[in-house]
Amino acid sequence: MAKVKIDENACVGCGLCVNACPEVFELGDDGIAKVKNSQVPEGCDMNETASQCPVNAIIVE
């Protein structure tokens, strides 16, 4: 099972990750994406989600 992190210094808060996998990501009060569940559920393709991030802020381990 993949683990995921957000580079909060790179994130621009576009929300694509939240739309793609709301079980894992949320936008914080500061408008920056946060990981709310670092253990990725089976239904979320983190490699696909990470490839859609316009600033490469999603780190998949």
PDB file of N, CA and C in Angstrom:
ATOM      1  N   MET A   1       0.847  -1.184   0.000  1.00  0.00           N
ATOM      2  CA  MET A   1       0.000   0.000   0.000  1.00  0.00           C
ATOM      3  C   MET A   1       0.892   1.247   0.000  1.00  0.00           C
ATOM      4  N   ALA A   2       0.610   2.150  -0.882  1.00  0.00           N
ATOM      5  CA  ALA A   2       1.411   3.375  -1.020  1.00  0.00           C
ATOM      6  C   ALA A   2       1.150   4.337   0.133  1.00  0.00           C
ATOM      7  N   LYS A   3       2.180   5.119   0.440  1.00  0.00           N
ATOM      8  CA  LYS A   3       2.028   6.233   1.376  1.00  0.00           C
ATOM      9  C   LYS A   3       2.238   7.506   0.575  1.00  0.00           C
ATOM     10  N   VAL A   4       1.615   8.593   1.015  1.00  0.00           N
ATOM     11  CA  VAL A   4       1.668   9.834   0.259  1.00  0.00           C
ATOM     12  C   VAL A   4       1.947  11.010   1.181  1.00  0.00           C
ATOM     13  N   LYS A   5       2.650  12.000   0.627  1.00  0.00           N
ATOM     14  CA  LYS A   5       2.938  13.250   1.339  1.00  0.00           C
ATOM     15  C   LYS A   5       2.705  14.400   0.371  1.00  0.00           C
ATOM     16  N   ILE A   6       2.556  15.600   0.939  1.00  0.00           N
ATOM     17  CA  ILE A   6       2.438  16.822   0.141  1.00  0.00           C
ATOM     18  C   ILE A   6       3.626  17.721   0.464  1.00  0.00           C
ATOM     19  N   ASP A   7       4.277  18.228  -0.574  1.00  0.00           N
ATOM     20  CA  ASP A   7       5.293  19.263  -0.385  1.00  0.00           C
ATOM     21  C   ASP A   7       4.527  20.581  -0.270  1.00  0.00           C
ATOM     22  N   GLU A   8       4.262  20.993   0.958  1.00  0.00           N
ATOM     23  CA  GLU A   8       3.423  22.173   1.188  1.00  0.00           C
ATOM     24  C   GLU A   8       4.079  23.460   0.700  1.00  0.00           C
ATOM     25  N   ASN A   9       5.401  23.460   0.540  1.00  0.00           N
ATOM     26  CA  ASN A   9       6.079  24.636  -0.013  1.00  0.00           C
ATOM     27  C   ASN A   9       5.849  24.765  -1.506  1.00  0.00           C
ATOM     28  N   ALA A  10       5.571  23.649  -2.171  1.00  0.00           N
ATOM     29  CA  ALA A  10       5.347  23.669  -3.616  1.00  0.00           C
ATOM     30  C   ALA A  10       3.867  23.803  -3.973  1.00  0.00           C
ATOM     31  N   CYS A  11       2.990  23.333  -3.105  1.00  0.00           N
ATOM     32  CA  CYS A  11       1.552  23.306  -3.397  1.00  0.00           C
ATOM     33  C   CYS A  11       1.005  24.711  -3.637  1.00  0.00           C
ATOM     34  N   VAL A  12       0.165  24.816  -4.679  1.00  0.00           N
ATOM     35  CA  VAL A  12      -0.486  26.089  -5.000  1.00  0.00           C
ATOM     36  C   VAL A  12      -1.987  26.055  -4.693  1.00  0.00           C
ATOM     37  N   GLY A  13      -2.459  24.942  -4.147  1.00  0.00           N
ATOM     38  CA  GLY A  13      -3.858  24.854  -3.727  1.00  0.00           C
ATOM     39  C   GLY A  13      -4.862  24.755  -4.851  1.00  0.00           C
ATOM     40  N   CYS A  14      -4.494  24.137  -5.960  1.00  0.00           N
ATOM     41  CA  CYS A  14      -5.417  24.041  -7.091  1.00  0.00           C
ATOM     42  C   CYS A  14      -6.586  23.093  -6.814  1.00  0.00           C
ATOM     43  N   GLY A  15      -6.393  22.115  -5.912  1.00  0.00           N
ATOM     44  CA  GLY A  15      -7.465  21.212  -5.527  1.00  0.00           C
ATOM     45  C   GLY A  15      -7.643  19.980  -6.387  1.00  0.00           C
ATOM     46  N   LEU A  16      -6.801  19.776  -7.392  1.00  0.00           N
ATOM     47  CA  LEU A  16      -6.945  18.587  -8.230  1.00  0.00           C
ATOM     48  C   LEU A  16      -6.822  17.305  -7.422  1.00  0.00           C
ATOM     49  N   CYS A  17      -5.918  17.281  -6.468  1.00  0.00           N
ATOM     50  CA  CYS A  17      -5.736  16.078  -5.646  1.00  0.00           C
ATOM     51  C   CYS A  17      -6.967  15.798  -4.795  1.00  0.00           C
ATOM     52  N   VAL A  18      -7.576  16.848  -4.265  1.00  0.00           N
ATOM     53  CA  VAL A  18      -8.778  16.695  -3.446  1.00  0.00           C
ATOM     54  C   VAL A  18      -9.913  16.136  -4.297  1.00  0.00           C
ATOM     55  N   ASN A  19     -10.047  16.637  -5.522  1.00  0.00           N
ATOM     56  CA  ASN A  19     -11.086  16.139  -6.426  1.00  0.00           C
ATOM     57  C   ASN A  19     -10.823  14.693  -6.824  1.00  0.00           C
ATOM     58  N   ALA A  20      -9.558  14.339  -7.031  1.00  0.00           N
ATOM     59  CA  ALA A  20      -9.207  12.992  -7.468  1.00  0.00           C
ATOM     60  C   ALA A  20      -9.347  11.963  -6.354  1.00  0.00           C
ATOM     61  N   CYS A  21      -9.003  12.343  -5.140  1.00  0.00           N
ATOM     62  CA  CYS A  21      -9.018  11.380  -4.036  1.00  0.00           C
ATOM     63  C   CYS A  21      -9.325  12.076  -2.705  1.00  0.00           C
ATOM     64  N   PRO A  22     -10.592  12.415  -2.481  1.00  0.00           N
ATOM     65  CA  PRO A  22     -10.961  13.130  -1.254  1.00  0.00           C
ATOM     66  C   PRO A  22     -10.783  12.294   0.019  1.00  0.00           C
ATOM     67  N   GLU A  23     -10.611  10.982  -0.128  1.00  0.00           N
ATOM     68  CA  GLU A  23     -10.353  10.140   1.038  1.00  0.00           C
ATOM     69  C   GLU A  23      -8.962  10.392   1.616  1.00  0.00           C
ATOM     70  N   VAL A  24      -8.062  10.945   0.786  1.00  0.00           N
ATOM     71  CA  VAL A  24      -6.665  11.135   1.180  1.00  0.00           C
ATOM     72  C   VAL A  24      -6.324  12.602   1.405  1.00  0.00           C
ATOM     73  N   PHE A  25      -6.862  13.488   0.557  1.00  0.00           N
ATOM     74  CA  PHE A  25      -6.460  14.892   0.579  1.00  0.00           C
ATOM     75  C   PHE A  25      -7.593  15.815   1.018  1.00  0.00           C
ATOM     76  N   GLU A  26      -7.202  16.963   1.576  1.00  0.00           N
ATOM     77  CA  GLU A  26      -8.132  18.040   1.880  1.00  0.00           C
ATOM     78  C   GLU A  26      -7.372  19.355   1.744  1.00  0.00           C
ATOM     79  N   LEU A  27      -8.105  20.437   1.517  1.00  0.00           N
ATOM     80  CA  LEU A  27      -7.483  21.755   1.496  1.00  0.00           C
ATOM     81  C   LEU A  27      -7.580  22.341   2.897  1.00  0.00           C
ATOM     82  N   GLY A  28      -6.455  22.814   3.411  1.00  0.00           N
ATOM     83  CA  GLY A  28      -6.426  23.418   4.732  1.00  0.00           C
ATOM     84  C   GLY A  28      -6.977  24.834   4.702  1.00  0.00           C
ATOM     85  N   ASP A  29      -7.093  25.435   5.862  1.00  0.00           N
ATOM     86  CA  ASP A  29      -7.582  26.807   5.975  1.00  0.00           C
ATOM     87  C   ASP A  29      -6.698  27.789   5.214  1.00  0.00           C
ATOM     88  N   ASP A  30      -5.432  27.408   5.020  1.00  0.00           N
ATOM     89  CA  ASP A  30      -4.487  28.263   4.283  1.00  0.00           C
ATOM     90  C   ASP A  30      -4.559  28.058   2.774  1.00  0.00           C
ATOM     91  N   GLY A  31      -5.469  27.178   2.311  1.00  0.00           N
ATOM     92  CA  GLY A  31      -5.626  26.926   0.887  1.00  0.00           C
ATOM     93  C   GLY A  31      -4.629  25.943   0.317  1.00  0.00           C
ATOM     94  N   ILE A  32      -3.820  25.342   1.163  1.00  0.00           N
ATOM     95  CA  ILE A  32      -2.811  24.385   0.732  1.00  0.00           C
ATOM     96  C   ILE A  32      -3.310  22.973   1.016  1.00  0.00           C
ATOM     97  N   ALA A  33      -3.031  22.038   0.094  1.00  0.00           N
ATOM     98  CA  ALA A  33      -3.458  20.656   0.269  1.00  0.00           C
ATOM     99  C   ALA A  33      -2.749  20.020   1.452  1.00  0.00           C
ATOM    100  N   LYS A  34      -3.500  19.202   2.161  1.00  0.00           N
ATOM    101  CA  LYS A  34      -2.993  18.445   3.302  1.00  0.00           C
ATOM    102  C   LYS A  34      -3.350  16.975   3.093  1.00  0.00           C
ATOM    103  N   VAL A  35      -2.537  16.097   3.648  1.00  0.00           N
ATOM    104  CA  VAL A  35      -2.854  14.677   3.643  1.00  0.00           C
ATOM    105  C   VAL A  35      -3.630  14.389   4.919  1.00  0.00           C
ATOM    106  N   LYS A  36      -4.854  13.911   4.764  1.00  0.00           N
ATOM    107  CA  LYS A  36      -5.645  13.578   5.947  1.00  0.00           C
ATOM    108  C   LYS A  36      -5.616  12.082   6.244  1.00  0.00           C
ATOM    109  N   ASN A  37      -5.120  11.290   5.278  1.00  0.00           N
ATOM    110  CA  ASN A  37      -4.995   9.848   5.450  1.00  0.00           C
ATOM    111  C   ASN A  37      -3.782   9.395   4.641  1.00  0.00           C
ATOM    112  N   SER A  38      -2.639   9.190   5.301  1.00  0.00           N
ATOM    113  CA  SER A  38      -1.409   8.857   4.583  1.00  0.00           C
ATOM    114  C   SER A  38      -1.404   7.431   4.048  1.00  0.00           C
ATOM    115  N   GLN A  39      -2.290   6.582   4.549  1.00  0.00           N
ATOM    116  CA  GLN A  39      -2.430   5.234   3.999  1.00  0.00           C
ATOM    117  C   GLN A  39      -3.463   5.294   2.876  1.00  0.00           C
ATOM    118  N   VAL A  40      -3.015   5.126   1.661  1.00  0.00           N
ATOM    119  CA  VAL A  40      -3.867   5.300   0.485  1.00  0.00           C
ATOM    120  C   VAL A  40      -4.798   4.098   0.319  1.00  0.00           C
ATOM    121  N   PRO A  41      -6.109   4.330   0.246  1.00  0.00           N
ATOM    122  CA  PRO A  41      -7.038   3.221   0.015  1.00  0.00           C
ATOM    123  C   PRO A  41      -6.900   2.669  -1.402  1.00  0.00           C
ATOM    124  N   GLU A  42      -7.351   1.452  -1.593  1.00  0.00           N
ATOM    125  CA  GLU A  42      -7.218   0.756  -2.873  1.00  0.00           C
ATOM    126  C   GLU A  42      -7.800   1.528  -4.057  1.00  0.00           C
ATOM    127  N   GLY A  43      -8.871   2.267  -3.868  1.00  0.00           N
ATOM    128  CA  GLY A  43      -9.538   2.933  -4.977  1.00  0.00           C
ATOM    129  C   GLY A  43      -8.839   4.160  -5.536  1.00  0.00           C
ATOM    130  N   CYS A  44      -7.800   4.636  -4.873  1.00  0.00           N
ATOM    131  CA  CYS A  44      -7.113   5.849  -5.317  1.00  0.00           C
ATOM    132  C   CYS A  44      -5.795   5.490  -6.015  1.00  0.00           C
ATOM    133  N   ASP A  45      -5.638   5.961  -7.228  1.00  0.00           N
ATOM    134  CA  ASP A  45      -4.399   5.744  -7.984  1.00  0.00           C
ATOM    135  C   ASP A  45      -3.481   6.935  -7.735  1.00  0.00           C
ATOM    136  N   MET A  46      -2.592   6.810  -6.769  1.00  0.00           N
ATOM    137  CA  MET A  46      -1.732   7.926  -6.380  1.00  0.00           C
ATOM    138  C   MET A  46      -0.748   8.323  -7.460  1.00  0.00           C
ATOM    139  N   ASN A  47      -0.278   7.363  -8.257  1.00  0.00           N
ATOM    140  CA  ASN A  47       0.640   7.732  -9.335  1.00  0.00           C
ATOM    141  C   ASN A  47      -0.061   8.612 -10.363  1.00  0.00           C
ATOM    142  N   GLU A  48      -1.300   8.285 -10.676  1.00  0.00           N
ATOM    143  CA  GLU A  48      -2.084   9.103 -11.607  1.00  0.00           C
ATOM    144  C   GLU A  48      -2.376  10.474 -11.005  1.00  0.00           C
ATOM    145  N   THR A  49      -2.777  10.500  -9.743  1.00  0.00           N
ATOM    146  CA  THR A  49      -3.063  11.759  -9.074  1.00  0.00           C
ATOM    147  C   THR A  49      -1.817  12.629  -9.009  1.00  0.00           C
ATOM    148  N   ALA A  50      -0.680  12.033  -8.655  1.00  0.00           N
ATOM    149  CA  ALA A  50       0.578  12.782  -8.576  1.00  0.00           C
ATOM    150  C   ALA A  50       0.970  13.338  -9.937  1.00  0.00           C
ATOM    151  N   SER A  51       0.726  12.575 -11.006  1.00  0.00           N
ATOM    152  CA  SER A  51       1.101  13.047 -12.343  1.00  0.00           C
ATOM    153  C   SER A  51       0.247  14.226 -12.786  1.00  0.00           C
ATOM    154  N   GLN A  52      -0.947  14.392 -12.200  1.00  0.00           N
ATOM    155  CA  GLN A  52      -1.827  15.503 -12.552  1.00  0.00           C
ATOM    156  C   GLN A  52      -1.495  16.785 -11.795  1.00  0.00           C
ATOM    157  N   CYS A  53      -0.714  16.688 -10.731  1.00  0.00           N
ATOM    158  CA  CYS A  53      -0.374  17.870  -9.935  1.00  0.00           C
ATOM    159  C   CYS A  53       0.487  18.823 -10.772  1.00  0.00           C
ATOM    160  N   PRO A  54       0.028  20.060 -10.962  1.00  0.00           N
ATOM    161  CA  PRO A  54       0.764  20.976 -11.850  1.00  0.00           C
ATOM    162  C   PRO A  54       2.121  21.427 -11.302  1.00  0.00           C
ATOM    163  N   VAL A  55       2.353  21.241 -10.001  1.00  0.00           N
ATOM    164  CA  VAL A  55       3.630  21.674  -9.416  1.00  0.00           C
ATOM    165  C   VAL A  55       4.394  20.512  -8.772  1.00  0.00           C
ATOM    166  N   ASN A  56       3.969  19.277  -9.065  1.00  0.00           N
ATOM    167  CA  ASN A  56       4.643  18.075  -8.555  1.00  0.00           C
ATOM    168  C   ASN A  56       4.798  18.091  -7.038  1.00  0.00           C
ATOM    169  N   ALA A  57       3.742  18.483  -6.339  1.00  0.00           N
ATOM    170  CA  ALA A  57       3.797  18.584  -4.878  1.00  0.00           C
ATOM    171  C   ALA A  57       3.412  17.278  -4.173  1.00  0.00           C
ATOM    172  N   ILE A  58       2.927  16.281  -4.921  1.00  0.00           N
ATOM    173  CA  ILE A  58       2.518  15.012  -4.324  1.00  0.00           C
ATOM    174  C   ILE A  58       3.683  14.037  -4.388  1.00  0.00           C
ATOM    175  N   ILE A  59       4.041  13.503  -3.223  1.00  0.00           N
ATOM    176  CA  ILE A  59       5.164  12.562  -3.117  1.00  0.00           C
ATOM    177  C   ILE A  59       4.590  11.206  -2.730  1.00  0.00           C
ATOM    178  N   VAL A  60       4.795  10.219  -3.599  1.00  0.00           N
ATOM    179  CA  VAL A  60       4.292   8.864  -3.360  1.00  0.00           C
ATOM    180  C   VAL A  60       5.465   7.976  -2.987  1.00  0.00           C
ATOM    181  N   GLU A  61       5.327   7.286  -1.850  1.00  0.00           N
ATOM    182  CA  GLU A  61       6.386   6.375  -1.390  1.00  0.00           C
ATOM    183  C   GLU A  61       5.935   4.943  -1.500  1.00  0.00           C
TER     184      GLU A  61
END
